[in-house]
């Protein structure tokens, strides 16, 4: 399992989620190719994030790029810059300039899936006791 994070990206999370939903669950290399032709502003930063996660997997874990899929991609709210614009009768209208954090998790499809739940561990222990 390999991760990469993009923090404080200056676009609203709602718009970035459209791009994230487009590549969730796909192979990493196919997602990079698809994002190359996506006409959204968020496609380039998400593409670079996936490329960074692939590079992390190859360098740190020794995994091959062809075997990686996008298990999770989360877009969370970052901080909101608060600005004000003048309005009628001396009032000020607030503007929230939103940011977001994008987190991606890649997994190797050739690696065996490990179960981490306590119930699964108990079942394995019970099966060993019965034999």
N, C-alpha and C. Protein backbone atom coordinates (compact mmCIF):
# COMPACT_ATOMS: atom_id res chain seq x y z
N UNK A 1 0.85 -1.17 0.00
CA UNK A 1 0.00 0.00 0.00
C UNK A 1 0.90 1.24 0.00
N UNK A 2 0.69 2.11 -0.98
CA UNK A 2 1.50 3.30 -1.15
C UNK A 2 0.59 4.52 -1.17
N UNK A 3 1.04 5.59 -0.51
CA UNK A 3 0.20 6.79 -0.44
C UNK A 3 0.96 8.01 -0.96
N UNK A 4 0.17 9.01 -1.34
CA UNK A 4 0.70 10.33 -1.70
C UNK A 4 -0.38 11.34 -1.35
N UNK A 5 0.04 12.57 -1.02
CA UNK A 5 -0.90 13.58 -0.55
C UNK A 5 -0.62 14.92 -1.23
N UNK A 6 -1.68 15.59 -1.60
CA UNK A 6 -1.61 16.95 -2.12
C UNK A 6 -2.37 17.82 -1.13
N UNK A 7 -1.68 18.77 -0.51
CA UNK A 7 -2.32 19.59 0.53
C UNK A 7 -2.48 21.02 0.03
N UNK A 8 -3.55 21.64 0.51
CA UNK A 8 -3.85 23.05 0.26
C UNK A 8 -3.92 23.39 -1.22
N UNK A 9 -4.56 22.53 -2.00
CA UNK A 9 -4.77 22.83 -3.41
C UNK A 9 -5.88 23.86 -3.51
N UNK A 10 -5.65 24.93 -4.25
CA UNK A 10 -6.53 26.09 -4.25
C UNK A 10 -7.65 25.95 -5.28
N UNK A 11 -8.53 24.97 -5.00
CA UNK A 11 -9.76 24.79 -5.76
C UNK A 11 -10.75 24.12 -4.83
N UNK A 12 -12.02 24.36 -5.07
CA UNK A 12 -13.01 23.83 -4.14
C UNK A 12 -13.05 22.30 -4.22
N UNK A 13 -13.28 21.63 -3.08
CA UNK A 13 -13.28 20.17 -3.06
C UNK A 13 -14.36 19.57 -3.95
N UNK A 14 -15.45 20.26 -4.09
CA UNK A 14 -16.56 19.74 -4.90
C UNK A 14 -16.13 19.56 -6.36
N UNK A 15 -15.35 20.50 -6.87
CA UNK A 15 -14.90 20.42 -8.26
C UNK A 15 -13.82 19.36 -8.43
N UNK A 16 -12.96 19.20 -7.43
CA UNK A 16 -11.89 18.20 -7.52
C UNK A 16 -12.46 16.80 -7.39
N UNK A 17 -13.55 16.63 -6.64
CA UNK A 17 -14.17 15.31 -6.47
C UNK A 17 -14.68 14.76 -7.80
N UNK A 18 -15.09 15.63 -8.72
CA UNK A 18 -15.53 15.17 -10.04
C UNK A 18 -14.41 14.42 -10.76
N UNK A 19 -13.20 14.95 -10.66
CA UNK A 19 -12.05 14.31 -11.30
C UNK A 19 -11.64 13.07 -10.53
N UNK A 20 -11.69 13.13 -9.20
CA UNK A 20 -11.30 11.98 -8.38
C UNK A 20 -12.25 10.80 -8.61
N UNK A 21 -13.53 11.07 -8.74
CA UNK A 21 -14.49 10.00 -8.98
C UNK A 21 -14.27 9.33 -10.33
N UNK A 22 -13.72 10.08 -11.27
CA UNK A 22 -13.48 9.58 -12.60
C UNK A 22 -12.40 8.49 -12.64
N UNK A 23 -11.43 8.56 -11.73
CA UNK A 23 -10.29 7.63 -11.77
C UNK A 23 -10.30 6.61 -10.64
N UNK A 24 -11.21 6.70 -9.71
CA UNK A 24 -11.23 5.79 -8.57
C UNK A 24 -11.43 4.34 -9.03
N UNK A 25 -10.56 3.44 -8.55
CA UNK A 25 -10.68 2.02 -8.86
C UNK A 25 -9.99 1.59 -10.14
N UNK A 26 -9.38 2.50 -10.88
CA UNK A 26 -8.75 2.16 -12.14
C UNK A 26 -7.27 1.86 -11.93
N UNK A 27 -6.65 1.29 -12.96
CA UNK A 27 -5.20 1.10 -12.92
C UNK A 27 -4.54 2.46 -12.97
N UNK A 28 -3.40 2.59 -12.31
CA UNK A 28 -2.74 3.89 -12.18
C UNK A 28 -2.32 4.45 -13.54
N UNK A 29 -1.75 3.62 -14.40
CA UNK A 29 -1.30 4.11 -15.70
C UNK A 29 -2.47 4.49 -16.59
N UNK A 30 -3.57 3.75 -16.51
CA UNK A 30 -4.77 4.09 -17.28
C UNK A 30 -5.38 5.40 -16.79
N UNK A 31 -5.33 5.62 -15.48
CA UNK A 31 -5.86 6.86 -14.92
C UNK A 31 -5.03 8.06 -15.36
N UNK A 32 -3.71 7.90 -15.43
CA UNK A 32 -2.84 8.99 -15.89
C UNK A 32 -3.17 9.34 -17.34
N UNK A 33 -3.35 8.32 -18.17
CA UNK A 33 -3.68 8.54 -19.57
C UNK A 33 -5.04 9.23 -19.72
N UNK A 34 -6.01 8.80 -18.93
CA UNK A 34 -7.34 9.39 -19.00
C UNK A 34 -7.34 10.85 -18.55
N UNK A 35 -6.58 11.15 -17.52
CA UNK A 35 -6.53 12.52 -17.02
C UNK A 35 -5.81 13.47 -17.98
N UNK A 36 -4.95 12.92 -18.83
CA UNK A 36 -4.28 13.75 -19.83
C UNK A 36 -5.29 14.42 -20.77
N UNK A 37 -6.38 13.74 -21.04
CA UNK A 37 -7.38 14.23 -21.99
C UNK A 37 -8.64 14.76 -21.31
N UNK A 38 -8.62 14.94 -20.02
CA UNK A 38 -9.78 15.45 -19.29
C UNK A 38 -9.72 16.98 -19.25
N UNK A 39 -10.77 17.65 -19.72
CA UNK A 39 -10.74 19.12 -19.77
C UNK A 39 -11.19 19.79 -18.47
N UNK A 40 -10.63 19.40 -17.36
CA UNK A 40 -10.93 20.01 -16.07
C UNK A 40 -9.64 20.58 -15.49
N UNK A 41 -9.76 21.66 -14.74
CA UNK A 41 -8.57 22.28 -14.17
C UNK A 41 -7.89 21.37 -13.15
N UNK A 42 -8.67 20.57 -12.45
CA UNK A 42 -8.12 19.70 -11.41
C UNK A 42 -7.44 18.47 -11.97
N UNK A 43 -7.57 18.21 -13.27
CA UNK A 43 -7.02 16.97 -13.81
C UNK A 43 -5.49 16.95 -13.78
N UNK A 44 -4.83 18.08 -14.01
CA UNK A 44 -3.37 18.10 -14.00
C UNK A 44 -2.80 17.85 -12.60
N UNK A 45 -3.27 18.54 -11.54
CA UNK A 45 -2.73 18.23 -10.20
C UNK A 45 -3.02 16.80 -9.74
N UNK A 46 -4.19 16.27 -10.08
CA UNK A 46 -4.50 14.88 -9.70
C UNK A 46 -3.62 13.92 -10.49
N UNK A 47 -3.37 14.23 -11.75
CA UNK A 47 -2.47 13.41 -12.56
C UNK A 47 -1.06 13.41 -11.98
N UNK A 48 -0.56 14.56 -11.58
CA UNK A 48 0.76 14.64 -10.97
C UNK A 48 0.81 13.89 -9.65
N UNK A 49 -0.29 13.93 -8.90
CA UNK A 49 -0.35 13.20 -7.63
C UNK A 49 -0.26 11.70 -7.86
N UNK A 50 -0.97 11.21 -8.87
CA UNK A 50 -0.91 9.78 -9.19
C UNK A 50 0.50 9.40 -9.64
N UNK A 51 1.11 10.24 -10.47
CA UNK A 51 2.48 9.97 -10.90
C UNK A 51 3.44 9.95 -9.72
N UNK A 52 3.22 10.82 -8.75
CA UNK A 52 4.06 10.84 -7.55
C UNK A 52 3.87 9.57 -6.73
N UNK A 53 2.62 9.11 -6.61
CA UNK A 53 2.36 7.87 -5.86
C UNK A 53 3.00 6.67 -6.57
N UNK A 54 2.95 6.65 -7.90
CA UNK A 54 3.58 5.56 -8.66
C UNK A 54 5.09 5.59 -8.45
N UNK A 55 5.68 6.79 -8.48
CA UNK A 55 7.11 6.91 -8.26
C UNK A 55 7.49 6.47 -6.85
N UNK A 56 6.65 6.80 -5.86
CA UNK A 56 6.88 6.34 -4.49
C UNK A 56 6.86 4.82 -4.43
N UNK A 57 5.91 4.21 -5.13
CA UNK A 57 5.79 2.75 -5.11
C UNK A 57 7.01 2.09 -5.75
N UNK A 58 7.47 2.65 -6.86
CA UNK A 58 8.62 2.06 -7.54
C UNK A 58 9.90 2.24 -6.74
N UNK A 59 10.10 3.42 -6.18
CA UNK A 59 11.36 3.71 -5.49
C UNK A 59 11.40 3.12 -4.09
N UNK A 60 10.35 3.34 -3.30
CA UNK A 60 10.37 2.94 -1.90
C UNK A 60 10.01 1.47 -1.68
N UNK A 61 9.05 0.95 -2.47
CA UNK A 61 8.57 -0.41 -2.23
C UNK A 61 9.01 -1.41 -3.29
N UNK A 62 9.59 -0.92 -4.39
CA UNK A 62 10.03 -1.82 -5.44
C UNK A 62 8.90 -2.45 -6.23
N UNK A 63 7.75 -1.79 -6.31
CA UNK A 63 6.59 -2.33 -7.04
C UNK A 63 6.64 -1.87 -8.49
N UNK A 64 5.95 -2.60 -9.35
CA UNK A 64 5.89 -2.24 -10.77
C UNK A 64 4.65 -1.39 -11.02
N UNK A 65 4.81 -0.40 -11.88
CA UNK A 65 3.72 0.55 -12.17
C UNK A 65 2.54 -0.14 -12.84
N UNK A 66 2.80 -1.20 -13.61
CA UNK A 66 1.72 -1.88 -14.34
C UNK A 66 0.76 -2.60 -13.40
N UNK A 67 1.21 -2.92 -12.19
CA UNK A 67 0.40 -3.71 -11.26
C UNK A 67 -0.33 -2.87 -10.23
N UNK A 68 -0.27 -1.56 -10.33
CA UNK A 68 -0.86 -0.69 -9.31
C UNK A 68 -2.25 -0.23 -9.70
N UNK A 69 -3.17 -0.28 -8.74
CA UNK A 69 -4.50 0.27 -8.95
C UNK A 69 -4.78 1.30 -7.86
N UNK A 70 -5.73 2.18 -8.14
CA UNK A 70 -6.10 3.22 -7.19
C UNK A 70 -7.16 2.64 -6.27
N UNK A 71 -6.77 2.32 -5.05
CA UNK A 71 -7.71 1.75 -4.08
C UNK A 71 -8.59 2.84 -3.49
N UNK A 72 -7.96 3.94 -3.08
CA UNK A 72 -8.70 5.05 -2.46
C UNK A 72 -8.20 6.36 -3.03
N UNK A 73 -9.11 7.29 -3.22
CA UNK A 73 -8.73 8.66 -3.50
C UNK A 73 -9.75 9.53 -2.77
N UNK A 74 -9.26 10.31 -1.82
CA UNK A 74 -10.13 11.12 -0.97
C UNK A 74 -9.84 12.59 -1.21
N UNK A 75 -10.91 13.37 -1.26
CA UNK A 75 -10.79 14.82 -1.38
C UNK A 75 -11.48 15.42 -0.17
N UNK A 76 -10.69 16.00 0.73
CA UNK A 76 -11.21 16.59 1.95
C UNK A 76 -11.07 18.11 1.91
N UNK A 77 -11.85 18.78 2.75
CA UNK A 77 -11.77 20.23 2.84
C UNK A 77 -10.45 20.65 3.45
N UNK A 78 -9.88 21.70 2.90
CA UNK A 78 -8.73 22.36 3.52
C UNK A 78 -9.24 23.60 4.23
N UNK A 79 -8.36 24.56 4.46
CA UNK A 79 -8.81 25.80 5.09
C UNK A 79 -9.52 26.66 4.05
N UNK A 80 -10.35 27.58 4.51
CA UNK A 80 -11.05 28.51 3.63
C UNK A 80 -10.56 29.92 3.93
N UNK A 81 -10.06 30.58 2.90
CA UNK A 81 -9.66 31.98 3.07
C UNK A 81 -10.92 32.83 3.04
N UNK A 82 -11.06 33.70 4.01
CA UNK A 82 -12.26 34.53 4.08
C UNK A 82 -11.92 35.93 3.57
N UNK A 83 -12.64 36.34 2.54
CA UNK A 83 -12.49 37.66 1.96
C UNK A 83 -13.84 38.35 1.95
N UNK A 84 -13.85 39.66 1.78
CA UNK A 84 -15.10 40.40 1.81
C UNK A 84 -15.16 41.34 0.61
N UNK A 85 -16.38 41.51 0.08
CA UNK A 85 -16.60 42.40 -1.04
C UNK A 85 -17.65 43.43 -0.63
N UNK A 86 -17.47 44.70 -0.99
CA UNK A 86 -18.44 45.71 -0.59
C UNK A 86 -19.78 45.52 -1.30
N UNK A 87 -20.85 45.74 -0.57
CA UNK A 87 -22.21 45.63 -1.11
C UNK A 87 -22.96 46.92 -0.80
N UNK A 88 -24.21 46.94 -1.16
CA UNK A 88 -25.03 48.15 -1.03
C UNK A 88 -25.21 48.56 0.43
N UNK A 89 -25.37 49.84 0.64
CA UNK A 89 -25.66 50.43 1.95
C UNK A 89 -24.54 50.15 2.96
N UNK A 90 -23.32 50.11 2.51
CA UNK A 90 -22.19 49.99 3.41
C UNK A 90 -21.96 48.62 3.99
N UNK A 91 -22.61 47.61 3.45
CA UNK A 91 -22.44 46.25 3.98
C UNK A 91 -21.27 45.54 3.29
N UNK A 92 -20.83 44.49 3.91
CA UNK A 92 -19.77 43.65 3.34
C UNK A 92 -20.31 42.24 3.16
N UNK A 93 -20.04 41.66 2.01
CA UNK A 93 -20.49 40.31 1.70
C UNK A 93 -19.30 39.35 1.78
N UNK A 94 -19.40 38.25 2.55
CA UNK A 94 -18.25 37.34 2.68
C UNK A 94 -18.08 36.45 1.45
N UNK A 95 -16.83 36.15 1.14
CA UNK A 95 -16.47 35.21 0.09
C UNK A 95 -15.53 34.19 0.71
N UNK A 96 -15.83 32.91 0.51
CA UNK A 96 -14.94 31.84 0.99
C UNK A 96 -14.16 31.30 -0.19
N UNK A 97 -12.85 31.45 -0.13
CA UNK A 97 -11.99 30.88 -1.16
C UNK A 97 -11.49 29.55 -0.61
N UNK A 98 -12.06 28.49 -1.13
CA UNK A 98 -11.84 27.16 -0.55
C UNK A 98 -10.58 26.49 -1.07
N UNK A 99 -10.03 25.62 -0.23
CA UNK A 99 -8.91 24.78 -0.61
C UNK A 99 -9.27 23.33 -0.28
N UNK A 100 -8.46 22.40 -0.75
CA UNK A 100 -8.74 20.99 -0.46
C UNK A 100 -7.45 20.20 -0.32
N UNK A 101 -7.56 19.06 0.33
CA UNK A 101 -6.49 18.09 0.47
C UNK A 101 -6.90 16.84 -0.31
N UNK A 102 -6.00 16.33 -1.14
CA UNK A 102 -6.27 15.12 -1.91
C UNK A 102 -5.30 14.04 -1.45
N UNK A 103 -5.84 12.88 -1.05
CA UNK A 103 -5.02 11.76 -0.60
C UNK A 103 -5.30 10.57 -1.51
N UNK A 104 -4.25 9.88 -1.91
CA UNK A 104 -4.41 8.73 -2.80
C UNK A 104 -3.70 7.52 -2.21
N UNK A 105 -4.31 6.35 -2.36
CA UNK A 105 -3.73 5.09 -1.89
C UNK A 105 -3.69 4.13 -3.08
N UNK A 106 -2.50 3.64 -3.40
CA UNK A 106 -2.33 2.65 -4.46
C UNK A 106 -2.01 1.30 -3.84
N UNK A 107 -2.52 0.23 -4.44
CA UNK A 107 -2.20 -1.12 -3.99
C UNK A 107 -1.74 -1.94 -5.18
N UNK A 108 -0.94 -2.95 -4.89
CA UNK A 108 -0.44 -3.87 -5.91
C UNK A 108 -1.46 -4.99 -6.08
N UNK A 109 -1.92 -5.22 -7.31
CA UNK A 109 -2.96 -6.23 -7.53
C UNK A 109 -2.40 -7.65 -7.46
N UNK A 110 -1.07 -7.79 -7.55
CA UNK A 110 -0.48 -9.13 -7.48
C UNK A 110 -0.21 -9.57 -6.04
N UNK A 111 -0.25 -8.61 -5.10
CA UNK A 111 0.02 -8.94 -3.70
C UNK A 111 -1.22 -9.58 -3.07
N UNK A 112 -1.04 -10.52 -2.15
CA UNK A 112 -2.19 -11.13 -1.49
C UNK A 112 -2.87 -10.12 -0.57
N UNK A 113 -4.19 -10.23 -0.50
CA UNK A 113 -4.97 -9.32 0.33
C UNK A 113 -4.92 -9.81 1.77
N UNK A 114 -4.57 -8.91 2.68
CA UNK A 114 -4.51 -9.26 4.10
C UNK A 114 -5.76 -8.77 4.80
N UNK A 115 -6.33 -9.62 5.62
CA UNK A 115 -7.51 -9.24 6.39
C UNK A 115 -7.06 -8.73 7.75
N UNK A 116 -7.49 -7.54 8.11
CA UNK A 116 -7.05 -6.96 9.37
C UNK A 116 -8.15 -6.94 10.42
N UNK A 117 -9.33 -7.41 10.06
CA UNK A 117 -10.42 -7.36 11.04
C UNK A 117 -10.22 -8.42 12.12
N UNK A 118 -10.68 -8.12 13.31
CA UNK A 118 -10.55 -9.05 14.43
C UNK A 118 -11.39 -10.30 14.23
N UNK A 119 -12.57 -10.14 13.57
CA UNK A 119 -13.44 -11.29 13.34
C UNK A 119 -12.75 -12.32 12.43
N UNK A 120 -12.05 -11.83 11.41
CA UNK A 120 -11.37 -12.74 10.50
C UNK A 120 -10.24 -13.47 11.21
N UNK A 121 -9.53 -12.77 12.10
CA UNK A 121 -8.45 -13.40 12.85
C UNK A 121 -9.00 -14.47 13.79
N UNK A 122 -10.16 -14.21 14.39
CA UNK A 122 -10.78 -15.20 15.28
C UNK A 122 -11.21 -16.44 14.51
N UNK A 123 -11.74 -16.22 13.28
CA UNK A 123 -12.16 -17.36 12.46
C UNK A 123 -10.98 -18.23 12.09
N UNK A 124 -9.86 -17.62 11.75
CA UNK A 124 -8.67 -18.39 11.41
C UNK A 124 -8.19 -19.17 12.63
N UNK A 125 -8.21 -18.56 13.81
CA UNK A 125 -7.78 -19.23 15.03
C UNK A 125 -8.74 -20.38 15.38
N UNK A 126 -10.04 -20.18 15.19
CA UNK A 126 -11.02 -21.23 15.47
C UNK A 126 -10.83 -22.42 14.51
N UNK A 127 -10.55 -22.13 13.25
CA UNK A 127 -10.35 -23.20 12.27
C UNK A 127 -9.09 -24.01 12.61
N UNK A 128 -8.06 -23.35 13.11
CA UNK A 128 -6.84 -24.08 13.49
C UNK A 128 -7.11 -24.97 14.70
N UNK A 129 -7.93 -24.50 15.63
CA UNK A 129 -8.23 -25.27 16.84
C UNK A 129 -9.06 -26.52 16.49
N UNK A 130 -9.92 -26.42 15.50
CA UNK A 130 -10.78 -27.55 15.11
C UNK A 130 -9.98 -28.66 14.45
N UNK A 131 -8.89 -28.31 13.79
CA UNK A 131 -8.09 -29.34 13.09
C UNK A 131 -7.22 -30.05 14.00
